[in-house]
Amino acid sequence: MPTPKRARRKSGAERIIISLGGSLLVPESIDDEFVANFKKFIISHIRKGYHFILVTGGGRTARKYIESAATVTKINDEDKDWLGIHATRMNAHLVRTIFREYAHPRINTNPHDLEDFYSIQEPIMVAAGWRPGRSTDYAAVVLGKYLGIRRIINLSNVERVYDKDPRTHADAVAYEKLDWKAFRNIVGDEWNPGMNTPFDPIASQMAEADGMEVAILHGGDLENVTRYIAGKKFIGTLIKDDL
């Protein structure tokens, strides 16, 4: 597969990637209230001059399909991944539909294939899962690399990065800032389907190599996300080198 050239950065609006966790869009069923609030949030920032790449996760939709298939037959990791990938794409269509007036009409499903996306004029581009073995965090970082975007917001139902799972360890330590080496010491260097980490380990290696920053934030507090975007103090974890 040929590697596309890195897009030249243009003057004007800053573009930010949001890796939008499926846990926010579809915690059990579609969360209409979150979707409506997220639309208002994005449009308000477009009016301030920002542009966005929105990469959608699979959420409960993916888990339901995987669980249902597994009750009927034995399925392998590739089967699970494809079900999850198509769930991310369904969520991407939902997001592109609610942003119809602002979004590029085509959803990106291959972050290495950007021929039709380098020169888009719309303030929003929507992307989804690519192929088995690669997470939507991976897609977000690859898009950032090729499109010259330095900031990725990881929105989910997790407020911060902890040294261990706070749901099972009362002594878990929360971090406000981490460099990439320290973060990767927590999450490791291998990615497996269904693993529960704040950010994919493979994507983390790429983000570190390309000098990106990732902010881990809870999507339930969009005012807090606004503070991060504006460079103000926020609740969450900032991962970058040269802190």
C-alpha atoms as a PDB file:
ATOM      1  CA  MET A   1       0.000   0.000   0.000  1.00  0.00           C
ATOM      2  CA  PRO A   2       1.564   3.335  -1.021  1.00  0.00           C
ATOM      3  CA  THR A   3       2.137   5.808   1.778  1.00  0.00           C
ATOM      4  CA  PRO A   4       0.473   9.181   1.152  1.00  0.00           C
ATOM      5  CA  LYS A   5       2.487  12.321   1.555  1.00  0.00           C
ATOM      6  CA  ARG A   6       1.978  14.389   4.678  1.00  0.00           C
ATOM      7  CA  ALA A   7      -0.490  17.157   4.005  1.00  0.00           C
ATOM      8  CA  ARG A   8       0.851  20.678   4.133  1.00  0.00           C
ATOM      9  CA  ARG A   9      -0.559  22.683   6.979  1.00  0.00           C
ATOM     10  CA  LYS A  10      -2.610  25.623   5.828  1.00  0.00           C
ATOM     11  CA  SER A  11      -3.090  28.914   7.576  1.00  0.00           C
ATOM     12  CA  GLY A  12      -6.447  29.559   9.159  1.00  0.00           C
ATOM     13  CA  ALA A  13      -8.515  27.288  11.344  1.00  0.00           C
ATOM     14  CA  GLU A  14      -6.802  24.884  13.720  1.00  0.00           C
ATOM     15  CA  ARG A  15      -7.920  21.308  13.156  1.00  0.00           C
ATOM     16  CA  ILE A  16      -8.351  19.049  16.169  1.00  0.00           C
ATOM     17  CA  ILE A  17      -9.014  15.318  16.144  1.00  0.00           C
ATOM     18  CA  ILE A  18     -11.616  13.947  18.537  1.00  0.00           C
ATOM     19  CA  SER A  19     -11.576  10.203  19.119  1.00  0.00           C
ATOM     20  CA  LEU A  20     -15.206   9.866  20.171  1.00  0.00           C
ATOM     21  CA  GLY A  21     -15.752   6.821  22.335  1.00  0.00           C
ATOM     22  CA  GLY A  22     -18.679   4.596  21.520  1.00  0.00           C
ATOM     23  CA  SER A  23     -19.386   4.485  25.260  1.00  0.00           C
ATOM     24  CA  LEU A  24     -20.646   8.066  24.907  1.00  0.00           C
ATOM     25  CA  LEU A  25     -22.675   7.616  21.728  1.00  0.00           C
ATOM     26  CA  VAL A  26     -24.135   4.209  22.580  1.00  0.00           C
ATOM     27  CA  PRO A  27     -23.712   3.368  26.277  1.00  0.00           C
ATOM     28  CA  GLU A  28     -26.659   0.930  26.037  1.00  0.00           C
ATOM     29  CA  SER A  29     -28.802   2.533  23.371  1.00  0.00           C
ATOM     30  CA  ILE A  30     -28.089   5.770  21.507  1.00  0.00           C
ATOM     31  CA  ASP A  31     -27.743   8.621  24.007  1.00  0.00           C
ATOM     32  CA  ASP A  32     -29.858  11.301  22.318  1.00  0.00           C
ATOM     33  CA  GLU A  33     -29.066  13.883  24.991  1.00  0.00           C
ATOM     34  CA  PHE A  34     -25.307  13.475  24.582  1.00  0.00           C
ATOM     35  CA  VAL A  35     -25.575  13.555  20.780  1.00  0.00           C
ATOM     36  CA  ALA A  36     -27.571  16.806  20.920  1.00  0.00           C
ATOM     37  CA  ASN A  37     -25.150  18.424  23.379  1.00  0.00           C
ATOM     38  CA  PHE A  38     -22.146  17.271  21.353  1.00  0.00           C
ATOM     39  CA  LYS A  39     -23.612  18.823  18.217  1.00  0.00           C
ATOM     40  CA  LYS A  40     -24.038  22.179  19.980  1.00  0.00           C
ATOM     41  CA  PHE A  41     -20.493  21.923  21.362  1.00  0.00           C
ATOM     42  CA  ILE A  42     -18.905  21.263  17.967  1.00  0.00           C
ATOM     43  CA  ILE A  43     -20.898  23.943  16.152  1.00  0.00           C
ATOM     44  CA  SER A  44     -19.990  26.519  18.807  1.00  0.00           C
ATOM     45  CA  HIS A  45     -16.302  25.782  18.224  1.00  0.00           C
ATOM     46  CA  ILE A  46     -16.667  25.865  14.452  1.00  0.00           C
ATOM     47  CA  ARG A  47     -17.983  29.396  14.913  1.00  0.00           C
ATOM     48  CA  LYS A  48     -14.837  30.185  16.906  1.00  0.00           C
ATOM     49  CA  GLY A  49     -12.737  29.062  13.929  1.00  0.00           C
ATOM     50  CA  TYR A  50     -11.912  25.430  14.731  1.00  0.00           C
ATOM     51  CA  HIS A  51     -12.219  22.476  12.374  1.00  0.00           C
ATOM     52  CA  PHE A  52     -12.558  18.855  13.500  1.00  0.00           C
ATOM     53  CA  ILE A  53     -11.825  15.272  12.528  1.00  0.00           C
ATOM     54  CA  LEU A  54     -14.330  13.081  14.411  1.00  0.00           C
ATOM     55  CA  VAL A  55     -13.347   9.411  14.722  1.00  0.00           C
ATOM     56  CA  THR A  56     -16.143   7.244  16.150  1.00  0.00           C
ATOM     57  CA  GLY A  57     -15.887   4.136  18.316  1.00  0.00           C
ATOM     58  CA  GLY A  58     -18.279   1.195  18.399  1.00  0.00           C
ATOM     59  CA  GLY A  59     -19.690   1.233  21.931  1.00  0.00           C
ATOM     60  CA  ARG A  60     -22.451  -1.067  23.079  1.00  0.00           C
ATOM     61  CA  THR A  61     -23.523  -1.675  19.481  1.00  0.00           C
ATOM     62  CA  ALA A  62     -20.280  -3.543  18.848  1.00  0.00           C
ATOM     63  CA  ARG A  63     -20.513  -5.533  22.065  1.00  0.00           C
ATOM     64  CA  LYS A  64     -24.114  -6.563  21.381  1.00  0.00           C
ATOM     65  CA  TYR A  65     -23.253  -7.933  17.946  1.00  0.00           C
ATOM     66  CA  ILE A  66     -20.201  -9.761  19.266  1.00  0.00           C
ATOM     67  CA  GLU A  67     -22.117 -11.227  22.216  1.00  0.00           C
ATOM     68  CA  SER A  68     -24.988 -12.317  19.986  1.00  0.00           C
ATOM     69  CA  ALA A  69     -22.712 -14.001  17.452  1.00  0.00           C
ATOM     70  CA  ALA A  70     -20.793 -15.761  20.220  1.00  0.00           C
ATOM     71  CA  THR A  71     -23.975 -17.300  21.646  1.00  0.00           C
ATOM     72  CA  VAL A  72     -24.682 -18.978  18.308  1.00  0.00           C
ATOM     73  CA  THR A  73     -21.234 -20.014  17.115  1.00  0.00           C
ATOM     74  CA  LYS A  74     -17.558 -19.848  17.932  1.00  0.00           C
ATOM     75  CA  ILE A  75     -16.015 -16.624  16.625  1.00  0.00           C
ATOM     76  CA  ASN A  76     -12.365 -15.616  16.402  1.00  0.00           C
ATOM     77  CA  ASP A  77     -10.696 -12.255  17.021  1.00  0.00           C
ATOM     78  CA  GLU A  78     -10.945 -11.262  13.355  1.00  0.00           C
ATOM     79  CA  ASP A  79     -14.712 -11.875  13.387  1.00  0.00           C
ATOM     80  CA  LYS A  80     -14.987  -9.780  16.568  1.00  0.00           C
ATOM     81  CA  ASP A  81     -12.922  -7.010  15.025  1.00  0.00           C
ATOM     82  CA  TRP A  82     -15.031  -6.840  11.859  1.00  0.00           C
ATOM     83  CA  LEU A  83     -18.251  -6.648  13.874  1.00  0.00           C
ATOM     84  CA  GLY A  84     -16.698  -3.837  15.915  1.00  0.00           C
ATOM     85  CA  ILE A  85     -15.443  -2.044  12.801  1.00  0.00           C
ATOM     86  CA  HIS A  86     -18.889  -2.027  11.217  1.00  0.00           C
ATOM     87  CA  ALA A  87     -20.355  -0.733  14.484  1.00  0.00           C
ATOM     88  CA  THR A  88     -17.900   2.191  14.353  1.00  0.00           C
ATOM     89  CA  ARG A  89     -18.992   2.870  10.792  1.00  0.00           C
ATOM     90  CA  MET A  90     -22.678   2.869  11.738  1.00  0.00           C
ATOM     91  CA  ASN A  91     -21.900   5.356  14.501  1.00  0.00           C
ATOM     92  CA  ALA A  92     -19.911   7.420  12.001  1.00  0.00           C
ATOM     93  CA  HIS A  93     -22.957   7.599   9.729  1.00  0.00           C
ATOM     94  CA  LEU A  94     -25.010   8.808  12.679  1.00  0.00           C
ATOM     95  CA  VAL A  95     -22.465  11.557  13.409  1.00  0.00           C
ATOM     96  CA  ARG A  96     -22.126  12.572   9.749  1.00  0.00           C
ATOM     97  CA  THR A  97     -25.912  12.764   9.478  1.00  0.00           C
ATOM     98  CA  ILE A  98     -26.363  15.073  12.465  1.00  0.00           C
ATOM     99  CA  PHE A  99     -23.599  17.321  11.077  1.00  0.00           C
ATOM    100  CA  ARG A 100     -24.864  17.169   7.493  1.00  0.00           C
ATOM    101  CA  GLU A 101     -24.547  20.947   6.928  1.00  0.00           C
ATOM    102  CA  TYR A 102     -20.946  20.991   8.221  1.00  0.00           C
ATOM    103  CA  ALA A 103     -19.422  17.602   7.354  1.00  0.00           C
ATOM    104  CA  HIS A 104     -17.681  16.244   4.287  1.00  0.00           C
ATOM    105  CA  PRO A 105     -20.176  13.810   2.705  1.00  0.00           C
ATOM    106  CA  ARG A 106     -17.774  10.859   2.597  1.00  0.00           C
ATOM    107  CA  ILE A 107     -16.714   8.969   5.736  1.00  0.00           C
ATOM    108  CA  ASN A 108     -13.061   7.942   5.877  1.00  0.00           C
ATOM    109  CA  THR A 109     -12.659   4.207   6.579  1.00  0.00           C
ATOM    110  CA  ASN A 110      -8.972   3.940   5.682  1.00  0.00           C
ATOM    111  CA  PRO A 111      -6.630   6.473   7.336  1.00  0.00           C
ATOM    112  CA  HIS A 112      -3.903   5.624   4.805  1.00  0.00           C
ATOM    113  CA  ASP A 113      -6.154   6.580   1.879  1.00  0.00           C
ATOM    114  CA  LEU A 114      -6.690  10.334   2.013  1.00  0.00           C
ATOM    115  CA  GLU A 115      -6.619  11.234  -1.667  1.00  0.00           C
ATOM    116  CA  ASP A 116     -10.113  12.717  -1.481  1.00  0.00           C
ATOM    117  CA  PHE A 117      -9.652  14.312   1.951  1.00  0.00           C
ATOM    118  CA  TYR A 118      -6.550  16.531   1.809  1.00  0.00           C
ATOM    119  CA  SER A 119      -8.328  19.525   0.325  1.00  0.00           C
ATOM    120  CA  ILE A 120     -11.790  19.303   1.883  1.00  0.00           C
ATOM    121  CA  GLN A 121     -13.428  22.638   2.622  1.00  0.00           C
ATOM    122  CA  GLU A 122     -15.985  21.455   5.180  1.00  0.00           C
ATOM    123  CA  PRO A 123     -15.164  22.106   8.861  1.00  0.00           C
ATOM    124  CA  ILE A 124     -15.844  18.461   9.827  1.00  0.00           C
ATOM    125  CA  MET A 125     -14.493  15.182   8.536  1.00  0.00           C
ATOM    126  CA  VAL A 126     -15.877  11.948  10.004  1.00  0.00           C
ATOM    127  CA  ALA A 127     -13.839   8.737  10.195  1.00  0.00           C
ATOM    128  CA  ALA A 128     -14.381   5.207  11.507  1.00  0.00           C
ATOM    129  CA  GLY A 129     -12.642   1.842  11.947  1.00  0.00           C
ATOM    130  CA  TRP A 130     -10.294   0.510   9.288  1.00  0.00           C
ATOM    131  CA  ARG A 131      -9.346  -3.163   9.520  1.00  0.00           C
ATOM    132  CA  PRO A 132      -8.829  -5.974  12.086  1.00  0.00           C
ATOM    133  CA  GLY A 133      -5.913  -5.407  14.438  1.00  0.00           C
ATOM    134  CA  ARG A 134      -6.199  -1.630  14.303  1.00  0.00           C
ATOM    135  CA  SER A 135      -8.236   0.486  16.731  1.00  0.00           C
ATOM    136  CA  THR A 136      -9.963   3.807  16.114  1.00  0.00           C
ATOM    137  CA  ASP A 137      -7.213   5.408  18.263  1.00  0.00           C
ATOM    138  CA  TYR A 138      -4.777   4.119  15.631  1.00  0.00           C
ATOM    139  CA  ALA A 139      -6.910   5.679  12.886  1.00  0.00           C
ATOM    140  CA  ALA A 140      -6.933   8.990  14.765  1.00  0.00           C
ATOM    141  CA  VAL A 141      -3.138   9.089  15.057  1.00  0.00           C
ATOM    142  CA  VAL A 142      -2.548   8.114  11.419  1.00  0.00           C
ATOM    143  CA  LEU A 143      -4.950  10.832  10.282  1.00  0.00           C
ATOM    144  CA  GLY A 144      -3.150  13.308  12.519  1.00  0.00           C
ATOM    145  CA  LYS A 145       0.203  12.300  11.060  1.00  0.00           C
ATOM    146  CA  TYR A 146      -0.861  12.705   7.422  1.00  0.00           C
ATOM    147  CA  LEU A 147      -2.981  15.821   7.954  1.00  0.00           C
ATOM    148  CA  GLY A 148      -0.450  17.623  10.144  1.00  0.00           C
ATOM    149  CA  ILE A 149      -2.676  17.713  13.238  1.00  0.00           C
ATOM    150  CA  ARG A 150      -0.911  17.851  16.583  1.00  0.00           C
ATOM    151  CA  ARG A 151      -3.782  17.629  19.106  1.00  0.00           C
ATOM    152  CA  ILE A 152      -6.016  14.622  19.716  1.00  0.00           C
ATOM    153  CA  ILE A 153      -8.842  14.645  22.258  1.00  0.00           C
ATOM    154  CA  ASN A 154      -9.817  11.203  23.501  1.00  0.00           C
ATOM    155  CA  LEU A 155     -13.406  11.462  24.755  1.00  0.00           C
ATOM    156  CA  SER A 156     -14.883   8.538  26.659  1.00  0.00           C
ATOM    157  CA  ASN A 157     -16.472   7.715  30.019  1.00  0.00           C
ATOM    158  CA  VAL A 158     -13.001   7.846  31.641  1.00  0.00           C
ATOM    159  CA  GLU A 159     -12.011  11.078  33.410  1.00  0.00           C
ATOM    160  CA  ARG A 160      -8.251  10.567  33.762  1.00  0.00           C
ATOM    161  CA  VAL A 161      -5.416   8.101  33.353  1.00  0.00           C
ATOM    162  CA  TYR A 162      -4.739   6.001  36.467  1.00  0.00           C
ATOM    163  CA  ASP A 163      -1.804   3.757  37.292  1.00  0.00           C
ATOM    164  CA  LYS A 164      -4.306   0.879  37.672  1.00  0.00           C
ATOM    165  CA  ASP A 165      -8.033   0.302  37.340  1.00  0.00           C
ATOM    166  CA  PRO A 166      -9.747   2.573  39.917  1.00  0.00           C
ATOM    167  CA  ARG A 167     -12.876   0.394  39.808  1.00  0.00           C
ATOM    168  CA  THR A 168     -11.008  -2.476  41.455  1.00  0.00           C
ATOM    169  CA  HIS A 169      -8.148  -0.675  43.238  1.00  0.00           C
ATOM    170  CA  ALA A 170      -9.039   1.913  45.865  1.00  0.00           C
ATOM    171  CA  ASP A 171      -5.426   3.106  45.928  1.00  0.00           C
ATOM    172  CA  ALA A 172      -5.264   3.863  42.187  1.00  0.00           C
ATOM    173  CA  VAL A 173      -3.316   7.056  41.452  1.00  0.00           C
ATOM    174  CA  ALA A 174      -4.687   9.585  38.943  1.00  0.00           C
ATOM    175  CA  TYR A 175      -2.387  11.614  36.693  1.00  0.00           C
ATOM    176  CA  GLU A 176      -2.887  15.143  35.379  1.00  0.00           C
ATOM    177  CA  LYS A 177       0.171  14.994  33.091  1.00  0.00           C
ATOM    178  CA  LEU A 178       2.338  12.200  31.701  1.00  0.00           C
ATOM    179  CA  ASP A 179       5.072  12.031  29.124  1.00  0.00           C
ATOM    180  CA  TRP A 180       4.738   9.278  26.525  1.00  0.00           C
ATOM    181  CA  LYS A 181       7.318   6.985  28.114  1.00  0.00           C
ATOM    182  CA  ALA A 182       5.506   7.055  31.474  1.00  0.00           C
ATOM    183  CA  PHE A 183       2.137   6.476  29.808  1.00  0.00           C
ATOM    184  CA  ARG A 184       3.410   3.542  27.782  1.00  0.00           C
ATOM    185  CA  ASN A 185       4.855   2.022  30.951  1.00  0.00           C
ATOM    186  CA  ILE A 186       1.249   1.886  32.186  1.00  0.00           C
ATOM    187  CA  VAL A 187      -0.491   0.536  29.054  1.00  0.00           C
ATOM    188  CA  GLY A 188       2.316  -1.607  27.590  1.00  0.00           C
ATOM    189  CA  ASP A 189       3.317  -2.005  23.959  1.00  0.00           C
ATOM    190  CA  GLU A 190       0.798  -4.494  22.566  1.00  0.00           C
ATOM    191  CA  TRP A 191      -2.807  -4.042  21.494  1.00  0.00           C
ATOM    192  CA  ASN A 192      -5.436  -6.766  21.666  1.00  0.00           C
ATOM    193  CA  PRO A 193      -9.103  -6.646  20.582  1.00  0.00           C
ATOM    194  CA  GLY A 194     -11.326  -5.574  23.450  1.00  0.00           C
ATOM    195  CA  MET A 195      -8.525  -4.375  25.721  1.00  0.00           C
ATOM    196  CA  ASN A 196      -9.547  -1.604  28.103  1.00  0.00           C
ATOM    197  CA  THR A 197      -6.916   1.154  28.037  1.00  0.00           C
ATOM    198  CA  PRO A 198      -7.268   4.963  27.879  1.00  0.00           C
ATOM    199  CA  PHE A 199      -5.398   4.987  24.549  1.00  0.00           C
ATOM    200  CA  ASP A 200      -4.241   2.182  22.258  1.00  0.00           C
ATOM    201  CA  PRO A 201      -0.567   1.215  22.957  1.00  0.00           C
ATOM    202  CA  ILE A 202       0.318   1.004  19.238  1.00  0.00           C
ATOM    203  CA  ALA A 203      -1.298   4.381  18.584  1.00  0.00           C
ATOM    204  CA  SER A 204       0.625   5.733  21.604  1.00  0.00           C
ATOM    205  CA  GLN A 205       3.963   4.704  20.098  1.00  0.00           C
ATOM    206  CA  MET A 206       3.073   6.486  16.858  1.00  0.00           C
ATOM    207  CA  ALA A 207       1.833   9.612  18.637  1.00  0.00           C
ATOM    208  CA  GLU A 208       5.056   9.783  20.640  1.00  0.00           C
ATOM    209  CA  ALA A 209       7.208   9.390  17.521  1.00  0.00           C
ATOM    210  CA  ASP A 210       5.295  12.160  15.741  1.00  0.00           C
ATOM    211  CA  GLY A 211       5.341  14.618  18.657  1.00  0.00           C
ATOM    212  CA  MET A 212       1.581  14.687  19.231  1.00  0.00           C
ATOM    213  CA  GLU A 213      -0.331  15.402  22.398  1.00  0.00           C
ATOM    214  CA  VAL A 214      -3.379  13.466  23.553  1.00  0.00           C
ATOM    215  CA  ALA A 215      -5.845  14.706  26.149  1.00  0.00           C
ATOM    216  CA  ILE A 216      -7.863  12.053  27.981  1.00  0.00           C
ATOM    217  CA  LEU A 217     -11.177  13.644  28.962  1.00  0.00           C
ATOM    218  CA  HIS A 218     -14.644  12.611  30.114  1.00  0.00           C
ATOM    219  CA  GLY A 219     -17.179  13.375  27.414  1.00  0.00           C
ATOM    220  CA  GLY A 220     -19.921  14.063  29.931  1.00  0.00           C
ATOM    221  CA  ASP A 221     -18.424  17.488  30.725  1.00  0.00           C
ATOM    222  CA  LEU A 222     -18.119  19.377  27.453  1.00  0.00           C
ATOM    223  CA  GLU A 223     -17.405  22.672  29.233  1.00  0.00           C
ATOM    224  CA  ASN A 224     -14.268  20.999  30.557  1.00  0.00           C
ATOM    225  CA  VAL A 225     -13.341  19.999  26.990  1.00  0.00           C
ATOM    226  CA  THR A 226     -13.751  23.645  25.990  1.00  0.00           C
ATOM    227  CA  ARG A 227     -11.248  24.626  28.683  1.00  0.00           C
ATOM    228  CA  TYR A 228      -8.687  22.195  27.267  1.00  0.00           C
ATOM    229  CA  ILE A 229      -9.166  23.476  23.716  1.00  0.00           C
ATOM    230  CA  ALA A 230      -8.723  27.064  24.913  1.00  0.00           C
ATOM    231  CA  GLY A 231      -5.504  26.200  26.770  1.00  0.00           C
ATOM    232  CA  LYS A 232      -7.042  26.665  30.211  1.00  0.00           C
ATOM    233  CA  LYS A 233      -6.839  24.402  33.258  1.00  0.00           C
ATOM    234  CA  PHE A 234      -8.986  21.313  32.791  1.00  0.00           C
ATOM    235  CA  ILE A 235      -9.834  18.027  34.496  1.00  0.00           C
ATOM    236  CA  GLY A 236      -8.214  15.117  32.693  1.00  0.00           C
ATOM    237  CA  THR A 237      -4.799  13.812  31.681  1.00  0.00           C
ATOM    238  CA  LEU A 238      -2.489  15.467  29.159  1.00  0.00           C
ATOM    239  CA  ILE A 239      -0.027  13.095  27.497  1.00  0.00           C
ATOM    240  CA  LYS A 240       2.891  14.694  25.668  1.00  0.00           C
ATOM    241  CA  ASP A 241       6.626  15.085  25.825  1.00  0.00           C
ATOM    242  CA  ASP A 242       8.346  18.295  26.947  1.00  0.00           C
ATOM    243  CA  LEU A 243       5.777  18.935  29.670  1.00  0.00           C
END
